[in-house]
């Protein structure tokens, strides 16, 4: 199986348990692994035969506009659902890094979801 990965995409989303924390977008890093057989793209050299990672990145940069989440758990699930629905990988792994604990470099949550066959 082939994989396309976007590592540490910097996004600004409103996420946090308190209203104060959700009042302004905060910096998060997203890593997205998309399992996708790009054999056809490798042979044809055509972007239509693969997942356009630039389009995925642009979509995720805008994904948080006008939205907010209380829990990072819900956010990571929402991002995975979005990528599966819009870009159709066979499976997606999403990791969200949040920088809210001063004594820690970051906290992260991740999950893997597969598309129903």
PDB file of N, CA and C in Angstrom:
ATOM      1  N   UNK A   1       0.847  -1.191   0.000  1.00  0.00           N
ATOM      2  CA  UNK A   1       0.000   0.000   0.000  1.00  0.00           C
ATOM      3  C   UNK A   1       0.881   1.239   0.000  1.00  0.00           C
ATOM      4  N   UNK A   2       0.495   2.203  -0.764  1.00  0.00           N
ATOM      5  CA  UNK A   2       1.201   3.477  -0.850  1.00  0.00           C
ATOM      6  C   UNK A   2       0.616   4.447   0.169  1.00  0.00           C
ATOM      7  N   UNK A   3       1.392   5.462   0.489  1.00  0.00           N
ATOM      8  CA  UNK A   3       0.961   6.419   1.495  1.00  0.00           C
ATOM      9  C   UNK A   3       1.418   7.813   1.098  1.00  0.00           C
ATOM     10  N   UNK A   4       0.548   8.783   1.274  1.00  0.00           N
ATOM     11  CA  UNK A   4       0.863  10.196   1.073  1.00  0.00           C
ATOM     12  C   UNK A   4       0.758  10.847   2.443  1.00  0.00           C
ATOM     13  N   UNK A   5       1.788  11.584   2.844  1.00  0.00           N
ATOM     14  CA  UNK A   5       1.817  12.159   4.189  1.00  0.00           C
ATOM     15  C   UNK A   5       2.062  13.665   4.143  1.00  0.00           C
ATOM     16  N   UNK A   6       1.273  14.387   4.921  1.00  0.00           N
ATOM     17  CA  UNK A   6       1.505  15.810   5.185  1.00  0.00           C
ATOM     18  C   UNK A   6       1.916  15.880   6.656  1.00  0.00           C
ATOM     19  N   UNK A   7       3.078  16.418   6.933  1.00  0.00           N
ATOM     20  CA  UNK A   7       3.618  16.420   8.288  1.00  0.00           C
ATOM     21  C   UNK A   7       3.598  17.828   8.880  1.00  0.00           C
ATOM     22  N   UNK A   8       2.983  17.948  10.042  1.00  0.00           N
ATOM     23  CA  UNK A   8       2.972  19.187  10.825  1.00  0.00           C
ATOM     24  C   UNK A   8       2.477  20.403  10.042  1.00  0.00           C
ATOM     25  N   UNK A   9       1.331  20.263   9.406  1.00  0.00           N
ATOM     26  CA  UNK A   9       0.685  21.391   8.742  1.00  0.00           C
ATOM     27  C   UNK A   9       0.207  22.363   9.823  1.00  0.00           C
ATOM     28  N   UNK A  10       0.658  23.594   9.765  1.00  0.00           N
ATOM     29  CA  UNK A  10       0.293  24.595  10.761  1.00  0.00           C
ATOM     30  C   UNK A  10      -1.069  25.189  10.432  1.00  0.00           C
ATOM     31  N   UNK A  11      -2.030  24.976  11.338  1.00  0.00           N
ATOM     32  CA  UNK A  11      -3.380  25.507  11.180  1.00  0.00           C
ATOM     33  C   UNK A  11      -3.737  26.298  12.430  1.00  0.00           C
ATOM     34  N   UNK A  12      -4.772  27.095  12.315  1.00  0.00           N
ATOM     35  CA  UNK A  12      -5.251  27.880  13.448  1.00  0.00           C
ATOM     36  C   UNK A  12      -6.745  27.628  13.601  1.00  0.00           C
ATOM     37  N   UNK A  13      -7.109  26.832  14.625  1.00  0.00           N
ATOM     38  CA  UNK A  13      -8.487  26.445  14.891  1.00  0.00           C
ATOM     39  C   UNK A  13      -8.847  26.847  16.321  1.00  0.00           C
ATOM     40  N   UNK A  14     -10.146  27.041  16.552  1.00  0.00           N
ATOM     41  CA  UNK A  14     -10.651  27.319  17.895  1.00  0.00           C
ATOM     42  C   UNK A  14     -10.981  25.990  18.562  1.00  0.00           C
ATOM     43  N   UNK A  15     -10.187  25.628  19.568  1.00  0.00           N
ATOM     44  CA  UNK A  15     -10.420  24.377  20.269  1.00  0.00           C
ATOM     45  C   UNK A  15     -10.044  24.552  21.733  1.00  0.00           C
ATOM     46  N   UNK A  16     -10.921  24.086  22.616  1.00  0.00           N
ATOM     47  CA  UNK A  16     -10.653  24.170  24.047  1.00  0.00           C
ATOM     48  C   UNK A  16     -11.924  23.977  24.843  1.00  0.00           C
ATOM     49  N   UNK A  17     -11.777  23.507  26.049  1.00  0.00           N
ATOM     50  CA  UNK A  17     -12.927  23.227  26.900  1.00  0.00           C
ATOM     51  C   UNK A  17     -13.633  24.514  27.308  1.00  0.00           C
ATOM     52  N   UNK A  18     -12.877  25.548  27.635  1.00  0.00           N
ATOM     53  CA  UNK A  18     -13.484  26.798  28.099  1.00  0.00           C
ATOM     54  C   UNK A  18     -13.787  27.733  26.929  1.00  0.00           C
ATOM     55  N   UNK A  19     -14.769  28.600  27.146  1.00  0.00           N
ATOM     56  CA  UNK A  19     -15.094  29.607  26.130  1.00  0.00           C
ATOM     57  C   UNK A  19     -13.897  30.505  25.849  1.00  0.00           C
ATOM     58  N   UNK A  20     -13.148  30.847  26.887  1.00  0.00           N
ATOM     59  CA  UNK A  20     -11.973  31.699  26.716  1.00  0.00           C
ATOM     60  C   UNK A  20     -10.952  31.041  25.786  1.00  0.00           C
ATOM     61  N   UNK A  21     -10.773  29.735  25.931  1.00  0.00           N
ATOM     62  CA  UNK A  21      -9.810  29.018  25.103  1.00  0.00           C
ATOM     63  C   UNK A  21     -10.279  28.934  23.645  1.00  0.00           C
ATOM     64  N   UNK A  22     -11.593  28.904  23.451  1.00  0.00           N
ATOM     65  CA  UNK A  22     -12.153  28.837  22.101  1.00  0.00           C
ATOM     66  C   UNK A  22     -12.378  30.210  21.491  1.00  0.00           C
ATOM     67  N   UNK A  23     -12.125  31.267  22.234  1.00  0.00           N
ATOM     68  CA  UNK A  23     -12.423  32.621  21.759  1.00  0.00           C
ATOM     69  C   UNK A  23     -11.563  33.040  20.567  1.00  0.00           C
ATOM     70  N   UNK A  24     -10.348  32.530  20.521  1.00  0.00           N
ATOM     71  CA  UNK A  24      -9.438  32.884  19.416  1.00  0.00           C
ATOM     72  C   UNK A  24      -8.803  31.624  18.866  1.00  0.00           C
ATOM     73  N   UNK A  25      -8.581  31.592  17.555  1.00  0.00           N
ATOM     74  CA  UNK A  25      -7.899  30.421  16.985  1.00  0.00           C
ATOM     75  C   UNK A  25      -6.511  30.257  17.600  1.00  0.00           C
ATOM     76  N   UNK A  26      -6.113  29.034  17.811  1.00  0.00           N
ATOM     77  CA  UNK A  26      -4.784  28.749  18.338  1.00  0.00           C
ATOM     78  C   UNK A  26      -4.018  27.863  17.366  1.00  0.00           C
ATOM     79  N   UNK A  27      -2.733  27.962  17.458  1.00  0.00           N
ATOM     80  CA  UNK A  27      -1.845  27.205  16.575  1.00  0.00           C
ATOM     81  C   UNK A  27      -1.883  25.724  16.925  1.00  0.00           C
ATOM     82  N   UNK A  28      -2.101  24.911  15.896  1.00  0.00           N
ATOM     83  CA  UNK A  28      -2.064  23.457  16.008  1.00  0.00           C
ATOM     84  C   UNK A  28      -1.221  22.931  14.856  1.00  0.00           C
ATOM     85  N   UNK A  29      -0.680  21.749  15.010  1.00  0.00           N
ATOM     86  CA  UNK A  29       0.014  21.082  13.910  1.00  0.00           C
ATOM     87  C   UNK A  29      -0.738  19.802  13.587  1.00  0.00           C
ATOM     88  N   UNK A  30      -1.037  19.613  12.300  1.00  0.00           N
ATOM     89  CA  UNK A  30      -1.730  18.411  11.843  1.00  0.00           C
ATOM     90  C   UNK A  30      -0.784  17.558  11.017  1.00  0.00           C
ATOM     91  N   UNK A  31      -0.777  16.270  11.294  1.00  0.00           N
ATOM     92  CA  UNK A  31      -0.104  15.309  10.431  1.00  0.00           C
ATOM     93  C   UNK A  31      -1.184  14.391   9.883  1.00  0.00           C
ATOM     94  N   UNK A  32      -1.169  14.198   8.573  1.00  0.00           N
ATOM     95  CA  UNK A  32      -2.187  13.392   7.909  1.00  0.00           C
ATOM     96  C   UNK A  32      -1.494  12.384   7.002  1.00  0.00           C
ATOM     97  N   UNK A  33      -1.711  11.093   7.281  1.00  0.00           N
ATOM     98  CA  UNK A  33      -1.243  10.002   6.424  1.00  0.00           C
ATOM     99  C   UNK A  33      -2.457   9.470   5.677  1.00  0.00           C
ATOM    100  N   UNK A  34      -2.359   9.402   4.359  1.00  0.00           N
ATOM    101  CA  UNK A  34      -3.461   8.887   3.548  1.00  0.00           C
ATOM    102  C   UNK A  34      -2.990   7.652   2.799  1.00  0.00           C
ATOM    103  N   UNK A  35      -3.597   6.509   3.096  1.00  0.00           N
ATOM    104  CA  UNK A  35      -3.285   5.278   2.370  1.00  0.00           C
ATOM    105  C   UNK A  35      -4.044   5.302   1.051  1.00  0.00           C
ATOM    106  N   UNK A  36      -3.298   5.176  -0.031  1.00  0.00           N
ATOM    107  CA  UNK A  36      -3.893   5.295  -1.360  1.00  0.00           C
ATOM    108  C   UNK A  36      -2.972   4.615  -2.357  1.00  0.00           C
ATOM    109  N   UNK A  37      -3.523   3.802  -3.205  1.00  0.00           N
ATOM    110  CA  UNK A  37      -2.717   3.133  -4.229  1.00  0.00           C
ATOM    111  C   UNK A  37      -2.477   4.105  -5.384  1.00  0.00           C
ATOM    112  N   UNK A  38      -1.291   4.684  -5.413  1.00  0.00           N
ATOM    113  CA  UNK A  38      -0.998   5.639  -6.485  1.00  0.00           C
ATOM    114  C   UNK A  38      -0.169   5.035  -7.622  1.00  0.00           C
ATOM    115  N   UNK A  39      -0.278   3.733  -7.802  1.00  0.00           N
ATOM    116  CA  UNK A  39       0.417   3.056  -8.899  1.00  0.00           C
ATOM    117  C   UNK A  39       0.032   3.655 -10.248  1.00  0.00           C
ATOM    118  N   UNK A  40      -1.241   3.901 -10.439  1.00  0.00           N
ATOM    119  CA  UNK A  40      -1.728   4.466 -11.706  1.00  0.00           C
ATOM    120  C   UNK A  40      -1.135   5.858 -11.953  1.00  0.00           C
ATOM    121  N   UNK A  41      -1.012   6.648 -10.915  1.00  0.00           N
ATOM    122  CA  UNK A  41      -0.412   7.982 -11.053  1.00  0.00           C
ATOM    123  C   UNK A  41       1.071   7.885 -11.390  1.00  0.00           C
ATOM    124  N   UNK A  42       1.742   6.911 -10.795  1.00  0.00           N
ATOM    125  CA  UNK A  42       3.173   6.731 -11.072  1.00  0.00           C
ATOM    126  C   UNK A  42       3.405   6.344 -12.527  1.00  0.00           C
ATOM    127  N   UNK A  43       2.492   5.578 -13.088  1.00  0.00           N
ATOM    128  CA  UNK A  43       2.613   5.160 -14.491  1.00  0.00           C
ATOM    129  C   UNK A  43       2.217   6.293 -15.433  1.00  0.00           C
ATOM    130  N   UNK A  44       1.093   6.952 -15.144  1.00  0.00           N
ATOM    131  CA  UNK A  44       0.545   7.963 -16.063  1.00  0.00           C
ATOM    132  C   UNK A  44       1.132   9.357 -15.872  1.00  0.00           C
ATOM    133  N   UNK A  45       1.696   9.628 -14.694  1.00  0.00           N
ATOM    134  CA  UNK A  45       2.210  10.959 -14.360  1.00  0.00           C
ATOM    135  C   UNK A  45       1.102  12.020 -14.406  1.00  0.00           C
ATOM    136  N   UNK A  46      -0.116  11.608 -13.970  1.00  0.00           N
ATOM    137  CA  UNK A  46      -1.279  12.505 -13.988  1.00  0.00           C
ATOM    138  C   UNK A  46      -1.822  12.686 -12.572  1.00  0.00           C
ATOM    139  N   UNK A  47      -1.996  13.935 -12.193  1.00  0.00           N
ATOM    140  CA  UNK A  47      -2.461  14.247 -10.840  1.00  0.00           C
ATOM    141  C   UNK A  47      -3.868  13.721 -10.573  1.00  0.00           C
ATOM    142  N   UNK A  48      -4.662  13.559 -11.614  1.00  0.00           N
ATOM    143  CA  UNK A  48      -6.026  13.057 -11.453  1.00  0.00           C
ATOM    144  C   UNK A  48      -6.052  11.616 -10.936  1.00  0.00           C
ATOM    145  N   UNK A  49      -4.924  10.930 -11.012  1.00  0.00           N
ATOM    146  CA  UNK A  49      -4.852   9.529 -10.611  1.00  0.00           C
ATOM    147  C   UNK A  49      -4.356   9.345  -9.176  1.00  0.00           C
ATOM    148  N   UNK A  50      -4.237  10.448  -8.444  1.00  0.00           N
ATOM    149  CA  UNK A  50      -3.736  10.370  -7.077  1.00  0.00           C
ATOM    150  C   UNK A  50      -4.502  11.348  -6.198  1.00  0.00           C
ATOM    151  N   UNK A  51      -4.101  11.471  -4.963  1.00  0.00           N
ATOM    152  CA  UNK A  51      -4.650  12.486  -4.062  1.00  0.00           C
ATOM    153  C   UNK A  51      -3.746  13.703  -4.153  1.00  0.00           C
ATOM    154  N   UNK A  52      -4.324  14.832  -4.472  1.00  0.00           N
ATOM    155  CA  UNK A  52      -3.583  16.085  -4.582  1.00  0.00           C
ATOM    156  C   UNK A  52      -3.306  16.606  -3.164  1.00  0.00           C
ATOM    157  N   UNK A  53      -2.093  16.374  -2.676  1.00  0.00           N
ATOM    158  CA  UNK A  53      -1.778  16.756  -1.291  1.00  0.00           C
ATOM    159  C   UNK A  53      -1.855  18.261  -1.086  1.00  0.00           C
ATOM    160  N   UNK A  54      -1.608  19.052  -2.129  1.00  0.00           N
ATOM    161  CA  UNK A  54      -1.748  20.505  -2.016  1.00  0.00           C
ATOM    162  C   UNK A  54      -3.216  20.864  -1.740  1.00  0.00           C
ATOM    163  N   UNK A  55      -4.130  20.225  -2.449  1.00  0.00           N
ATOM    164  CA  UNK A  55      -5.562  20.471  -2.230  1.00  0.00           C
ATOM    165  C   UNK A  55      -5.984  20.058  -0.826  1.00  0.00           C
ATOM    166  N   UNK A  56      -5.446  18.948  -0.337  1.00  0.00           N
ATOM    167  CA  UNK A  56      -5.740  18.508   1.033  1.00  0.00           C
ATOM    168  C   UNK A  56      -5.275  19.580   2.025  1.00  0.00           C
ATOM    169  N   UNK A  57      -4.050  20.043   1.853  1.00  0.00           N
ATOM    170  CA  UNK A  57      -3.499  21.061   2.763  1.00  0.00           C
ATOM    171  C   UNK A  57      -4.342  22.333   2.737  1.00  0.00           C
ATOM    172  N   UNK A  58      -4.701  22.790   1.541  1.00  0.00           N
ATOM    173  CA  UNK A  58      -5.507  24.008   1.436  1.00  0.00           C
ATOM    174  C   UNK A  58      -6.869  23.830   2.094  1.00  0.00           C
ATOM    175  N   UNK A  59      -7.470  22.668   1.916  1.00  0.00           N
ATOM    176  CA  UNK A  59      -8.751  22.371   2.532  1.00  0.00           C
ATOM    177  C   UNK A  59      -8.642  22.403   4.060  1.00  0.00           C
ATOM    178  N   UNK A  60      -7.600  21.800   4.592  1.00  0.00           N
ATOM    179  CA  UNK A  60      -7.435  21.760   6.046  1.00  0.00           C
ATOM    180  C   UNK A  60      -7.085  23.126   6.622  1.00  0.00           C
ATOM    181  N   UNK A  61      -6.385  23.953   5.868  1.00  0.00           N
ATOM    182  CA  UNK A  61      -6.087  25.310   6.337  1.00  0.00           C
ATOM    183  C   UNK A  61      -7.379  26.103   6.543  1.00  0.00           C
ATOM    184  N   UNK A  62      -8.379  25.859   5.717  1.00  0.00           N
ATOM    185  CA  UNK A  62      -9.661  26.572   5.801  1.00  0.00           C
ATOM    186  C   UNK A  62     -10.694  25.863   6.673  1.00  0.00           C
ATOM    187  N   UNK A  63     -10.461  24.605   6.989  1.00  0.00           N
ATOM    188  CA  UNK A  63     -11.443  23.761   7.662  1.00  0.00           C
ATOM    189  C   UNK A  63     -11.943  24.350   8.985  1.00  0.00           C
ATOM    190  N   UNK A  64     -11.115  25.041   9.715  1.00  0.00           N
ATOM    191  CA  UNK A  64     -11.496  25.568  11.022  1.00  0.00           C
ATOM    192  C   UNK A  64     -12.250  26.881  10.994  1.00  0.00           C
ATOM    193  N   UNK A  65     -12.357  27.501   9.821  1.00  0.00           N
ATOM    194  CA  UNK A  65     -13.027  28.803   9.740  1.00  0.00           C
ATOM    195  C   UNK A  65     -14.494  28.683  10.141  1.00  0.00           C
ATOM    196  N   UNK A  66     -14.884  29.488  11.128  1.00  0.00           N
ATOM    197  CA  UNK A  66     -16.271  29.503  11.577  1.00  0.00           C
ATOM    198  C   UNK A  66     -16.673  28.299  12.417  1.00  0.00           C
ATOM    199  N   UNK A  67     -15.709  27.505  12.850  1.00  0.00           N
ATOM    200  CA  UNK A  67     -15.986  26.308  13.649  1.00  0.00           C
ATOM    201  C   UNK A  67     -15.223  26.367  14.955  1.00  0.00           C
ATOM    202  N   UNK A  68     -15.714  25.585  15.915  1.00  0.00           N
ATOM    203  CA  UNK A  68     -14.943  25.413  17.143  1.00  0.00           C
ATOM    204  C   UNK A  68     -15.246  24.030  17.712  1.00  0.00           C
ATOM    205  N   UNK A  69     -14.306  23.528  18.472  1.00  0.00           N
ATOM    206  CA  UNK A  69     -14.419  22.223  19.116  1.00  0.00           C
ATOM    207  C   UNK A  69     -14.026  22.377  20.579  1.00  0.00           C
ATOM    208  N   UNK A  70     -14.706  21.689  21.468  1.00  0.00           N
ATOM    209  CA  UNK A  70     -14.319  21.698  22.872  1.00  0.00           C
ATOM    210  C   UNK A  70     -13.157  20.747  23.110  1.00  0.00           C
ATOM    211  N   UNK A  71     -13.205  19.577  22.487  1.00  0.00           N
ATOM    212  CA  UNK A  71     -12.194  18.555  22.730  1.00  0.00           C
ATOM    213  C   UNK A  71     -11.345  18.297  21.493  1.00  0.00           C
ATOM    214  N   UNK A  72     -10.071  18.081  21.706  1.00  0.00           N
ATOM    215  CA  UNK A  72      -9.174  17.701  20.612  1.00  0.00           C
ATOM    216  C   UNK A  72      -9.616  16.349  20.052  1.00  0.00           C
ATOM    217  N   UNK A  73     -10.192  15.498  20.894  1.00  0.00           N
ATOM    218  CA  UNK A  73     -10.694  14.206  20.438  1.00  0.00           C
ATOM    219  C   UNK A  73     -11.738  14.376  19.332  1.00  0.00           C
ATOM    220  N   UNK A  74     -12.635  15.332  19.503  1.00  0.00           N
ATOM    221  CA  UNK A  74     -13.655  15.607  18.486  1.00  0.00           C
ATOM    222  C   UNK A  74     -13.010  16.219  17.241  1.00  0.00           C
ATOM    223  N   UNK A  75     -12.053  17.093  17.439  1.00  0.00           N
ATOM    224  CA  UNK A  75     -11.361  17.718  16.307  1.00  0.00           C
ATOM    225  C   UNK A  75     -10.640  16.691  15.448  1.00  0.00           C
ATOM    226  N   UNK A  76      -9.876  15.801  16.060  1.00  0.00           N
ATOM    227  CA  UNK A  76      -9.121  14.813  15.292  1.00  0.00           C
ATOM    228  C   UNK A  76     -10.083  13.902  14.528  1.00  0.00           C
ATOM    229  N   UNK A  77     -11.207  13.578  15.127  1.00  0.00           N
ATOM    230  CA  UNK A  77     -12.230  12.775  14.465  1.00  0.00           C
ATOM    231  C   UNK A  77     -12.841  13.529  13.278  1.00  0.00           C
ATOM    232  N   UNK A  78     -13.115  14.809  13.466  1.00  0.00           N
ATOM    233  CA  UNK A  78     -13.686  15.639  12.390  1.00  0.00           C
ATOM    234  C   UNK A  78     -12.736  15.766  11.206  1.00  0.00           C
ATOM    235  N   UNK A  79     -11.452  15.944  11.486  1.00  0.00           N
ATOM    236  CA  UNK A  79     -10.462  16.052  10.411  1.00  0.00           C
ATOM    237  C   UNK A  79     -10.378  14.733   9.641  1.00  0.00           C
ATOM    238  N   UNK A  80     -10.346  13.625  10.351  1.00  0.00           N
ATOM    239  CA  UNK A  80     -10.283  12.318   9.684  1.00  0.00           C
ATOM    240  C   UNK A  80     -11.514  12.101   8.804  1.00  0.00           C
ATOM    241  N   UNK A  81     -12.688  12.414   9.322  1.00  0.00           N
ATOM    242  CA  UNK A  81     -13.918  12.261   8.541  1.00  0.00           C
ATOM    243  C   UNK A  81     -13.888  13.145   7.298  1.00  0.00           C
ATOM    244  N   UNK A  82     -13.394  14.354   7.436  1.00  0.00           N
ATOM    245  CA  UNK A  82     -13.319  15.284   6.311  1.00  0.00           C
ATOM    246  C   UNK A  82     -12.410  14.743   5.210  1.00  0.00           C
ATOM    247  N   UNK A  83     -11.224  14.296   5.582  1.00  0.00           N
ATOM    248  CA  UNK A  83     -10.274  13.784   4.593  1.00  0.00           C
ATOM    249  C   UNK A  83     -10.842  12.548   3.900  1.00  0.00           C
ATOM    250  N   UNK A  84     -11.444  11.644   4.662  1.00  0.00           N
ATOM    251  CA  UNK A  84     -12.047  10.453   4.056  1.00  0.00           C
ATOM    252  C   UNK A  84     -13.151  10.821   3.070  1.00  0.00           C
ATOM    253  N   UNK A  85     -14.007  11.746   3.447  1.00  0.00           N
ATOM    254  CA  UNK A  85     -15.144  12.117   2.603  1.00  0.00           C
ATOM    255  C   UNK A  85     -14.723  12.888   1.352  1.00  0.00           C
ATOM    256  N   UNK A  86     -13.789  13.795   1.501  1.00  0.00           N
ATOM    257  CA  UNK A  86     -13.430  14.688   0.392  1.00  0.00           C
ATOM    258  C   UNK A  86     -12.374  14.122  -0.547  1.00  0.00           C
ATOM    259  N   UNK A  87     -11.441  13.350  -0.023  1.00  0.00           N
ATOM    260  CA  UNK A  87     -10.284  12.947  -0.828  1.00  0.00           C
ATOM    261  C   UNK A  87     -10.189  11.446  -1.070  1.00  0.00           C
ATOM    262  N   UNK A  88     -11.040  10.678  -0.416  1.00  0.00           N
ATOM    263  CA  UNK A  88     -11.223   9.250  -0.680  1.00  0.00           C
ATOM    264  C   UNK A  88      -9.991   8.350  -0.541  1.00  0.00           C
ATOM    265  N   UNK A  89      -9.142   8.555   0.468  1.00  0.00           N
ATOM    266  CA  UNK A  89      -8.085   7.554   0.678  1.00  0.00           C
ATOM    267  C   UNK A  89      -8.728   6.269   1.205  1.00  0.00           C
ATOM    268  N   UNK A  90      -8.002   5.172   1.137  1.00  0.00           N
ATOM    269  CA  UNK A  90      -8.525   3.915   1.705  1.00  0.00           C
ATOM    270  C   UNK A  90      -8.585   4.007   3.225  1.00  0.00           C
ATOM    271  N   UNK A  91      -7.594   4.687   3.790  1.00  0.00           N
ATOM    272  CA  UNK A  91      -7.559   4.906   5.237  1.00  0.00           C
ATOM    273  C   UNK A  91      -6.811   6.208   5.489  1.00  0.00           C
ATOM    274  N   UNK A  92      -7.057   6.780   6.649  1.00  0.00           N
ATOM    275  CA  UNK A  92      -6.373   8.021   7.018  1.00  0.00           C
ATOM    276  C   UNK A  92      -5.947   7.930   8.479  1.00  0.00           C
ATOM    277  N   UNK A  93      -4.755   8.422   8.743  1.00  0.00           N
ATOM    278  CA  UNK A  93      -4.238   8.594  10.097  1.00  0.00           C
ATOM    279  C   UNK A  93      -4.110  10.093  10.301  1.00  0.00           C
ATOM    280  N   UNK A  94      -4.647  10.598  11.401  1.00  0.00           N
ATOM    281  CA  UNK A  94      -4.556  12.030  11.708  1.00  0.00           C
ATOM    282  C   UNK A  94      -3.988  12.197  13.105  1.00  0.00           C
ATOM    283  N   UNK A  95      -3.009  13.087  13.224  1.00  0.00           N
ATOM    284  CA  UNK A  95      -2.470  13.476  14.529  1.00  0.00           C
ATOM    285  C   UNK A  95      -2.613  14.983  14.661  1.00  0.00           C
ATOM    286  N   UNK A  96      -3.102  15.426  15.816  1.00  0.00           N
ATOM    287  CA  UNK A  96      -3.219  16.848  16.132  1.00  0.00           C
ATOM    288  C   UNK A  96      -2.307  17.138  17.312  1.00  0.00           C
ATOM    289  N   UNK A  97      -1.441  18.132  17.148  1.00  0.00           N
ATOM    290  CA  UNK A  97      -0.574  18.582  18.246  1.00  0.00           C
ATOM    291  C   UNK A  97      -1.074  19.944  18.720  1.00  0.00           C
ATOM    292  N   UNK A  98      -1.205  20.058  20.046  1.00  0.00           N
ATOM    293  CA  UNK A  98      -1.700  21.285  20.680  1.00  0.00           C
ATOM    294  C   UNK A  98      -0.680  21.729  21.719  1.00  0.00           C
ATOM    295  N   UNK A  99      -0.518  23.036  21.859  1.00  0.00           N
ATOM    296  CA  UNK A  99       0.554  23.601  22.691  1.00  0.00           C
ATOM    297  C   UNK A  99      -0.029  24.367  23.875  1.00  0.00           C
ATOM    298  N   UNK A 100      -0.645  23.630  24.805  1.00  0.00           N
ATOM    299  CA  UNK A 100      -1.338  24.304  25.909  1.00  0.00           C
ATOM    300  C   UNK A 100      -0.740  24.080  27.280  1.00  0.00           C
ATOM    301  N   UNK A 101       0.128  23.117  27.406  1.00  0.00           N
ATOM    302  CA  UNK A 101       0.748  22.862  28.708  1.00  0.00           C
ATOM    303  C   UNK A 101       2.173  23.409  28.648  1.00  0.00           C
ATOM    304  N   UNK A 102       2.445  24.494  29.379  1.00  0.00           N
ATOM    305  CA  UNK A 102       3.750  25.138  29.275  1.00  0.00           C
ATOM    306  C   UNK A 102       4.937  24.220  29.576  1.00  0.00           C
ATOM    307  N   UNK A 103       4.740  23.244  30.440  1.00  0.00           N
ATOM    308  CA  UNK A 103       5.834  22.361  30.820  1.00  0.00           C
ATOM    309  C   UNK A 103       6.062  21.219  29.813  1.00  0.00           C
ATOM    310  N   UNK A 104       5.198  21.112  28.833  1.00  0.00           N
ATOM    311  CA  UNK A 104       5.325  20.066  27.816  1.00  0.00           C
ATOM    312  C   UNK A 104       5.531  20.716  26.451  1.00  0.00           C
ATOM    313  N   UNK A 105       6.269  20.059  25.598  1.00  0.00           N
ATOM    314  CA  UNK A 105       6.466  20.581  24.242  1.00  0.00           C
ATOM    315  C   UNK A 105       5.131  20.658  23.513  1.00  0.00           C
ATOM    316  N   UNK A 106       4.299  19.623  23.632  1.00  0.00           N
ATOM    317  CA  UNK A 106       2.950  19.629  23.082  1.00  0.00           C
ATOM    318  C   UNK A 106       2.193  18.418  23.628  1.00  0.00           C
ATOM    319  N   UNK A 107       0.878  18.429  23.425  1.00  0.00           N
ATOM    320  CA  UNK A 107       0.077  17.226  23.636  1.00  0.00           C
ATOM    321  C   UNK A 107      -0.359  16.792  22.235  1.00  0.00           C
ATOM    322  N   UNK A 108      -0.592  15.509  22.056  1.00  0.00           N
ATOM    323  CA  UNK A 108      -1.075  15.085  20.747  1.00  0.00           C
ATOM    324  C   UNK A 108      -2.108  13.974  20.901  1.00  0.00           C
ATOM    325  N   UNK A 109      -3.034  13.974  19.978  1.00  0.00           N
ATOM    326  CA  UNK A 109      -4.018  12.920  19.873  1.00  0.00           C
ATOM    327  C   UNK A 109      -4.003  12.445  18.437  1.00  0.00           C
ATOM    328  N   UNK A 110      -4.220  11.151  18.251  1.00  0.00           N
ATOM    329  CA  UNK A 110      -4.216  10.625  16.894  1.00  0.00           C
ATOM    330  C   UNK A 110      -5.235   9.508  16.769  1.00  0.00           C
ATOM    331  N   UNK A 111      -5.644   9.269  15.543  1.00  0.00           N
ATOM    332  CA  UNK A 111      -6.528   8.152  15.253  1.00  0.00           C
ATOM    333  C   UNK A 111      -6.383   7.745  13.802  1.00  0.00           C
ATOM    334  N   UNK A 112      -6.809   6.519  13.530  1.00  0.00           N
ATOM    335  CA  UNK A 112      -6.824   5.992  12.171  1.00  0.00           C
ATOM    336  C   UNK A 112      -8.245   5.578  11.847  1.00  0.00           C
ATOM    337  N   UNK A 113      -8.697   5.964  10.667  1.00  0.00           N
ATOM    338  CA  UNK A 113     -10.018   5.574  10.185  1.00  0.00           C
ATOM    339  C   UNK A 113      -9.887   5.006   8.793  1.00  0.00           C
ATOM    340  N   UNK A 114     -10.735   4.026   8.485  1.00  0.00           N
ATOM    341  CA  UNK A 114     -10.778   3.427   7.156  1.00  0.00           C
ATOM    342  C   UNK A 114     -12.119   3.714   6.502  1.00  0.00           C
ATOM    343  N   UNK A 115     -12.096   3.779   5.212  1.00  0.00           N
ATOM    344  CA  UNK A 115     -13.318   3.967   4.448  1.00  0.00           C
ATOM    345  C   UNK A 115     -14.032   2.639   4.330  1.00  0.00           C
ATOM    346  N   UNK A 116     -15.353   2.651   4.427  1.00  0.00           N
ATOM    347  CA  UNK A 116     -16.120   1.423   4.229  1.00  0.00           C
ATOM    348  C   UNK A 116     -15.943   0.968   2.783  1.00  0.00           C
ATOM    349  N   UNK A 117     -15.789  -0.309   2.598  1.00  0.00           N
ATOM    350  CA  UNK A 117     -15.532  -0.821   1.243  1.00  0.00           C
ATOM    351  C   UNK A 117     -16.794  -0.957   0.449  1.00  0.00           C
TER     352      UNK A 117
END
